[in-house]
Amino acid sequence: MKLKFLGTGTSQGIPVIGCQCPVCTSNDMEDNRLRSSAILSTDDGNKILIDCGPDFRTQMLNFKESTVDAILITHEHNDHVIGLDDVRPILFRTKKAMPIYCLKRVSNEIKNRFPYAFADKKYPGAPSFKLKNIDDDFEIGNTKIIPVHVLHHELPILGFKINNLAYITDASYISETEKNKLKNLDYLILNCIRKTEPHPAHYILSDILQLNEELNPKILYLTHLSHHFGKHKENHQLPDNVRLAYDGLEIEF
């Protein structure tokens, strides 16, 4: 299987509109971070998208991706769902509704934001979504997906574990029970919004370093990085196994 990072930035993206900081004005493409998303290529040929934010169309074009077979949604904030309308070209080709896996609360939010996708009489060209509520482990094709329940401030959201990889974004707390799902993985992907200054809804670097010691992944990639973290190629004095993800990075597992 392969996982490709389509976006590794925060809800504002990088560059941030109007910001003149060294990161936002950098010419290094690894400092140009679209909103957080990833796409999983499974061994049975499925393409599974994790989150579908406002940069979805650009991400698919930038990284030569042409199709999605199913979508996993971590939570309902706009930077993770508002690009769902842009799956329409895929639906026009496949002539099938797009399966979307998420919490029931998130299903209700998607219905509220895209009511035309669920209308009894749709206008021509409207998307069609098939919402599937996540209650427990589930499968897409031959791929087993284990939900990881975390908190984004006080909001319960999901991460996802697939084989020996786990993808978690926007977390600020993981319970001991859920941490047991994350120990000794080959790849652990966690959000890290900045190095210092605590954030109520996101991990910062000190949190990540503590989790790295506790969970012992072979490789820990940081995503959902803000411009406050610094440039990609700076010496961030990280442990050897902790690395910054970047848009377009692909890992095989």
Protein backbone atom coordinates (compact mmCIF):
# COMPACT_ATOMS: atom_id res chain seq x y z
CA MET A 1 0.00 0.00 0.00
CA LYS A 2 1.00 3.61 -0.46
CA LEU A 3 -0.07 6.81 1.28
CA LYS A 4 0.48 10.14 -0.43
CA PHE A 5 0.20 13.43 1.45
CA LEU A 6 -1.98 15.75 -0.65
CA GLY A 7 -1.75 18.55 1.91
CA THR A 8 0.16 19.08 5.16
CA GLY A 9 -0.90 22.58 6.18
CA THR A 10 -3.35 24.04 8.67
CA SER A 11 -6.80 25.48 7.96
CA GLN A 12 -5.26 28.65 6.47
CA GLY A 13 -2.76 26.83 4.28
CA ILE A 14 0.76 28.08 3.57
CA PRO A 15 1.40 30.70 2.32
CA VAL A 16 -1.13 32.48 4.49
CA ILE A 17 -2.90 35.31 2.66
CA GLY A 18 -1.02 38.57 3.23
CA CYS A 19 1.72 37.05 5.42
CA GLN A 20 5.31 38.13 4.70
CA CYS A 21 7.05 35.73 7.11
CA PRO A 22 10.05 33.67 5.88
CA VAL A 23 7.92 30.53 5.51
CA CYS A 24 5.11 32.17 3.56
CA THR A 25 7.58 33.90 1.21
CA SER A 26 9.83 30.85 0.80
CA ASN A 27 10.65 29.61 -2.71
CA ASP A 28 11.00 26.04 -1.43
CA MET A 29 7.96 24.07 -2.61
CA GLU A 30 8.15 21.97 0.55
CA ASP A 31 7.12 25.12 2.46
CA ASN A 32 4.01 25.47 0.28
CA ARG A 33 1.41 23.49 2.24
CA LEU A 34 -2.16 22.94 1.15
CA ARG A 35 -4.89 21.97 3.62
CA SER A 36 -4.38 18.57 5.29
CA SER A 37 -5.41 15.52 3.29
CA ALA A 38 -3.96 12.21 2.11
CA ILE A 39 -4.81 9.50 -0.39
CA LEU A 40 -4.30 5.80 0.20
CA SER A 41 -3.60 3.42 -2.69
CA THR A 42 -4.56 -0.06 -1.50
CA ASP A 43 -3.15 -3.37 -2.67
CA ASP A 44 -6.49 -4.27 -4.27
CA GLY A 45 -6.53 -1.14 -6.42
CA ASN A 46 -8.77 1.21 -4.43
CA LYS A 47 -8.06 4.88 -3.87
CA ILE A 48 -9.22 6.01 -0.44
CA LEU A 49 -9.16 9.75 0.31
CA ILE A 50 -8.70 10.96 3.89
CA ASP A 51 -10.48 14.32 4.23
CA CYS A 52 -11.65 16.51 1.38
CA GLY A 53 -10.93 20.15 2.07
CA PRO A 54 -11.04 23.32 -0.02
CA ASP A 55 -7.84 22.41 -1.91
CA PHE A 56 -9.08 19.00 -3.13
CA ARG A 57 -9.29 19.93 -6.82
CA THR A 58 -5.83 21.52 -6.83
CA GLN A 59 -4.35 18.59 -4.93
CA MET A 60 -5.70 15.99 -7.34
CA LEU A 61 -4.38 17.94 -10.33
CA ASN A 62 -1.02 18.76 -8.72
CA PHE A 63 -0.26 15.16 -7.81
CA LYS A 64 -1.69 13.45 -10.91
CA GLU A 65 -4.51 11.68 -9.07
CA SER A 66 -7.63 11.07 -11.14
CA THR A 67 -10.03 9.00 -9.08
CA VAL A 68 -11.33 8.31 -5.58
CA ASP A 69 -13.28 5.17 -4.61
CA ALA A 70 -14.18 6.14 -1.03
CA ILE A 71 -13.64 9.00 1.41
CA LEU A 72 -12.79 8.89 5.11
CA ILE A 73 -13.65 12.05 7.06
CA THR A 74 -11.90 12.81 10.36
CA HIS A 75 -14.35 15.56 11.36
CA GLU A 76 -16.67 18.22 10.01
CA HIS A 77 -14.54 21.39 10.06
CA ASN A 78 -14.52 23.11 6.69
CA ASP A 79 -10.84 22.49 5.96
CA HIS A 80 -11.67 18.75 6.03
CA VAL A 81 -15.04 18.55 4.20
CA ILE A 82 -15.81 21.62 2.13
CA GLY A 83 -14.22 20.21 -1.06
CA LEU A 84 -16.73 17.37 -1.33
CA ASP A 85 -18.60 19.07 -4.17
CA ASP A 86 -15.44 18.82 -6.29
CA VAL A 87 -15.68 15.02 -6.50
CA ARG A 88 -18.38 15.54 -9.15
CA PRO A 89 -16.13 14.79 -12.18
CA ILE A 90 -15.33 11.41 -10.61
CA LEU A 91 -19.03 10.72 -10.04
CA PHE A 92 -19.87 11.69 -13.62
CA ARG A 93 -17.40 9.06 -14.89
CA THR A 94 -18.32 6.27 -12.48
CA LYS A 95 -22.06 7.02 -12.37
CA LYS A 96 -22.03 5.92 -8.72
CA ALA A 97 -22.62 7.70 -5.42
CA MET A 98 -19.42 8.42 -3.47
CA PRO A 99 -19.15 6.38 -0.24
CA ILE A 100 -18.23 8.68 2.67
CA TYR A 101 -17.28 7.10 6.01
CA CYS A 102 -17.59 9.28 9.10
CA LEU A 103 -19.16 9.69 12.51
CA LYS A 104 -22.96 10.09 12.59
CA ARG A 105 -22.59 13.68 13.82
CA VAL A 106 -20.42 14.41 10.81
CA SER A 107 -22.96 12.79 8.46
CA ASN A 108 -25.56 15.26 9.70
CA GLU A 109 -23.19 18.18 9.11
CA ILE A 110 -22.46 17.01 5.56
CA LYS A 111 -26.21 16.85 4.87
CA ASN A 112 -26.58 20.41 6.20
CA ARG A 113 -23.74 21.79 4.08
CA PHE A 114 -24.57 19.92 0.87
CA PRO A 115 -28.38 19.57 0.96
CA TYR A 116 -28.58 19.45 -2.85
CA ALA A 117 -26.63 16.15 -2.79
CA PHE A 118 -29.45 14.54 -0.80
CA ALA A 119 -32.51 16.15 -2.41
CA ASP A 120 -35.32 13.87 -3.60
CA LYS A 121 -35.25 15.69 -6.93
CA LYS A 122 -31.67 16.70 -7.76
CA TYR A 123 -30.73 19.32 -10.28
CA PRO A 124 -28.62 18.06 -13.22
CA GLY A 125 -24.98 17.81 -12.24
CA ALA A 126 -25.53 17.55 -8.47
CA PRO A 127 -23.21 15.18 -6.61
CA SER A 128 -24.46 12.02 -4.95
CA PHE A 129 -23.04 10.83 -1.63
CA LYS A 130 -23.60 7.57 0.22
CA LEU A 131 -22.99 8.27 3.91
CA LYS A 132 -21.74 5.36 6.01
CA ASN A 133 -21.56 5.93 9.76
CA ILE A 134 -18.49 4.59 11.53
CA ASP A 135 -19.32 2.61 14.65
CA ASP A 136 -16.47 0.09 14.71
CA ASP A 137 -13.73 -1.39 12.53
CA PHE A 138 -14.78 -1.68 8.87
CA GLU A 139 -13.45 -2.73 5.47
CA ILE A 140 -13.21 -1.05 2.09
CA GLY A 141 -12.50 -3.81 -0.39
CA ASN A 142 -9.81 -5.94 1.24
CA THR A 143 -8.54 -3.10 3.42
CA LYS A 144 -9.40 -3.17 7.11
CA ILE A 145 -9.66 0.27 8.71
CA ILE A 146 -9.57 0.77 12.46
CA PRO A 147 -10.96 4.09 13.73
CA VAL A 148 -8.88 5.87 16.37
CA HIS A 149 -10.97 8.09 18.65
CA VAL A 150 -9.22 11.32 19.69
CA LEU A 151 -10.21 14.79 20.88
CA HIS A 152 -9.83 18.04 18.94
CA HIS A 153 -10.14 20.34 21.97
CA GLU A 154 -13.54 19.08 23.23
CA LEU A 155 -14.74 17.70 19.88
CA PRO A 156 -14.53 13.91 19.41
CA ILE A 157 -12.95 13.19 16.01
CA LEU A 158 -11.35 10.24 14.23
CA GLY A 159 -7.96 9.11 13.10
CA PHE A 160 -7.49 5.93 11.08
CA LYS A 161 -5.20 2.92 11.43
CA ILE A 162 -4.47 0.79 8.36
CA ASN A 163 -2.12 -2.15 8.88
CA ASN A 164 1.05 -0.75 10.47
CA LEU A 165 0.28 2.92 9.72
CA ALA A 166 -1.94 5.41 11.56
CA TYR A 167 -3.03 8.84 10.33
CA ILE A 168 -4.24 11.37 12.92
CA THR A 169 -4.80 15.06 12.35
CA ASP A 170 -6.24 17.87 14.51
CA ALA A 171 -5.79 15.94 17.76
CA SER A 172 -5.08 17.47 21.15
CA TYR A 173 -5.69 14.38 23.30
CA ILE A 174 -5.55 10.59 22.89
CA SER A 175 -6.82 8.34 25.66
CA GLU A 176 -4.77 5.46 27.03
CA THR A 177 -7.16 2.97 25.42
CA GLU A 178 -6.69 4.50 21.98
CA LYS A 179 -2.94 4.84 22.46
CA ASN A 180 -2.79 1.05 22.68
CA LYS A 181 -3.79 0.96 18.99
CA LEU A 182 -0.83 3.17 18.12
CA LYS A 183 2.16 1.51 19.77
CA ASN A 184 5.17 0.25 17.81
CA LEU A 185 3.81 1.18 14.37
CA ASP A 186 6.00 1.44 11.30
CA TYR A 187 4.47 4.83 10.48
CA LEU A 188 2.61 7.20 12.79
CA ILE A 189 1.31 10.50 11.36
CA LEU A 190 0.35 13.21 13.84
CA ASN A 191 -0.61 16.86 13.67
CA CYS A 192 1.82 19.42 15.07
CA ILE A 193 0.70 23.01 14.63
CA ARG A 194 3.79 24.76 16.01
CA LYS A 195 6.87 24.29 18.15
CA THR A 196 6.02 26.33 21.24
CA GLU A 197 3.06 28.12 22.86
CA PRO A 198 0.35 25.62 23.82
CA HIS A 199 -2.70 25.35 21.59
CA PRO A 200 -6.12 24.29 22.97
CA ALA A 201 -7.04 22.15 19.95
CA HIS A 202 -3.77 20.88 18.45
CA TYR A 203 -0.59 19.16 19.52
CA ILE A 204 2.60 21.20 19.62
CA LEU A 205 6.13 19.83 19.35
CA SER A 206 6.64 19.04 23.06
CA ASP A 207 3.46 16.91 22.96
CA ILE A 208 4.71 15.09 19.88
CA LEU A 209 8.09 14.31 21.40
CA GLN A 210 6.40 12.86 24.47
CA LEU A 211 4.12 10.71 22.30
CA ASN A 212 7.10 9.59 20.25
CA GLU A 213 8.74 8.22 23.40
CA GLU A 214 5.53 6.64 24.60
CA LEU A 215 4.29 5.06 21.36
CA ASN A 216 7.69 4.13 19.86
CA PRO A 217 6.94 4.35 16.12
CA LYS A 218 9.69 3.52 13.64
CA ILE A 219 8.91 6.75 11.77
CA LEU A 220 6.72 9.62 13.00
CA TYR A 221 5.66 12.16 10.38
CA LEU A 222 4.33 15.59 11.34
CA THR A 223 1.43 17.09 9.39
CA HIS A 224 -1.06 19.96 9.81
CA LEU A 225 1.93 22.27 10.24
CA SER A 226 1.46 26.03 10.45
CA HIS A 227 3.84 28.72 9.20
CA HIS A 228 4.86 29.22 12.85
CA PHE A 229 6.69 25.88 12.80
CA GLY A 230 9.42 27.18 10.50
CA LYS A 231 10.83 26.19 7.12
CA HIS A 232 10.93 22.56 6.08
CA LYS A 233 14.70 22.45 5.65
CA GLU A 234 15.60 24.23 8.90
CA ASN A 235 17.41 22.24 11.57
CA HIS A 236 14.50 21.50 13.86
CA GLN A 237 16.65 19.30 16.15
CA LEU A 238 14.19 16.43 15.97
CA PRO A 239 14.89 12.81 16.95
CA ASP A 240 16.11 10.72 14.01
CA ASN A 241 12.73 9.04 13.55
CA VAL A 242 10.64 12.26 13.64
CA ARG A 243 10.26 14.00 10.29
CA LEU A 244 8.21 16.74 8.66
CA ALA A 245 5.81 15.51 6.02
CA TYR A 246 5.33 17.68 2.94
CA ASP A 247 2.82 17.90 0.12
CA GLY A 248 3.44 15.12 -2.37
CA LEU A 249 5.44 12.89 -0.02
CA GLU A 250 4.60 9.22 -0.62
CA ILE A 251 5.30 6.38 1.79
CA GLU A 252 4.98 2.67 1.13
CA PHE A 253 3.92 0.29 3.89
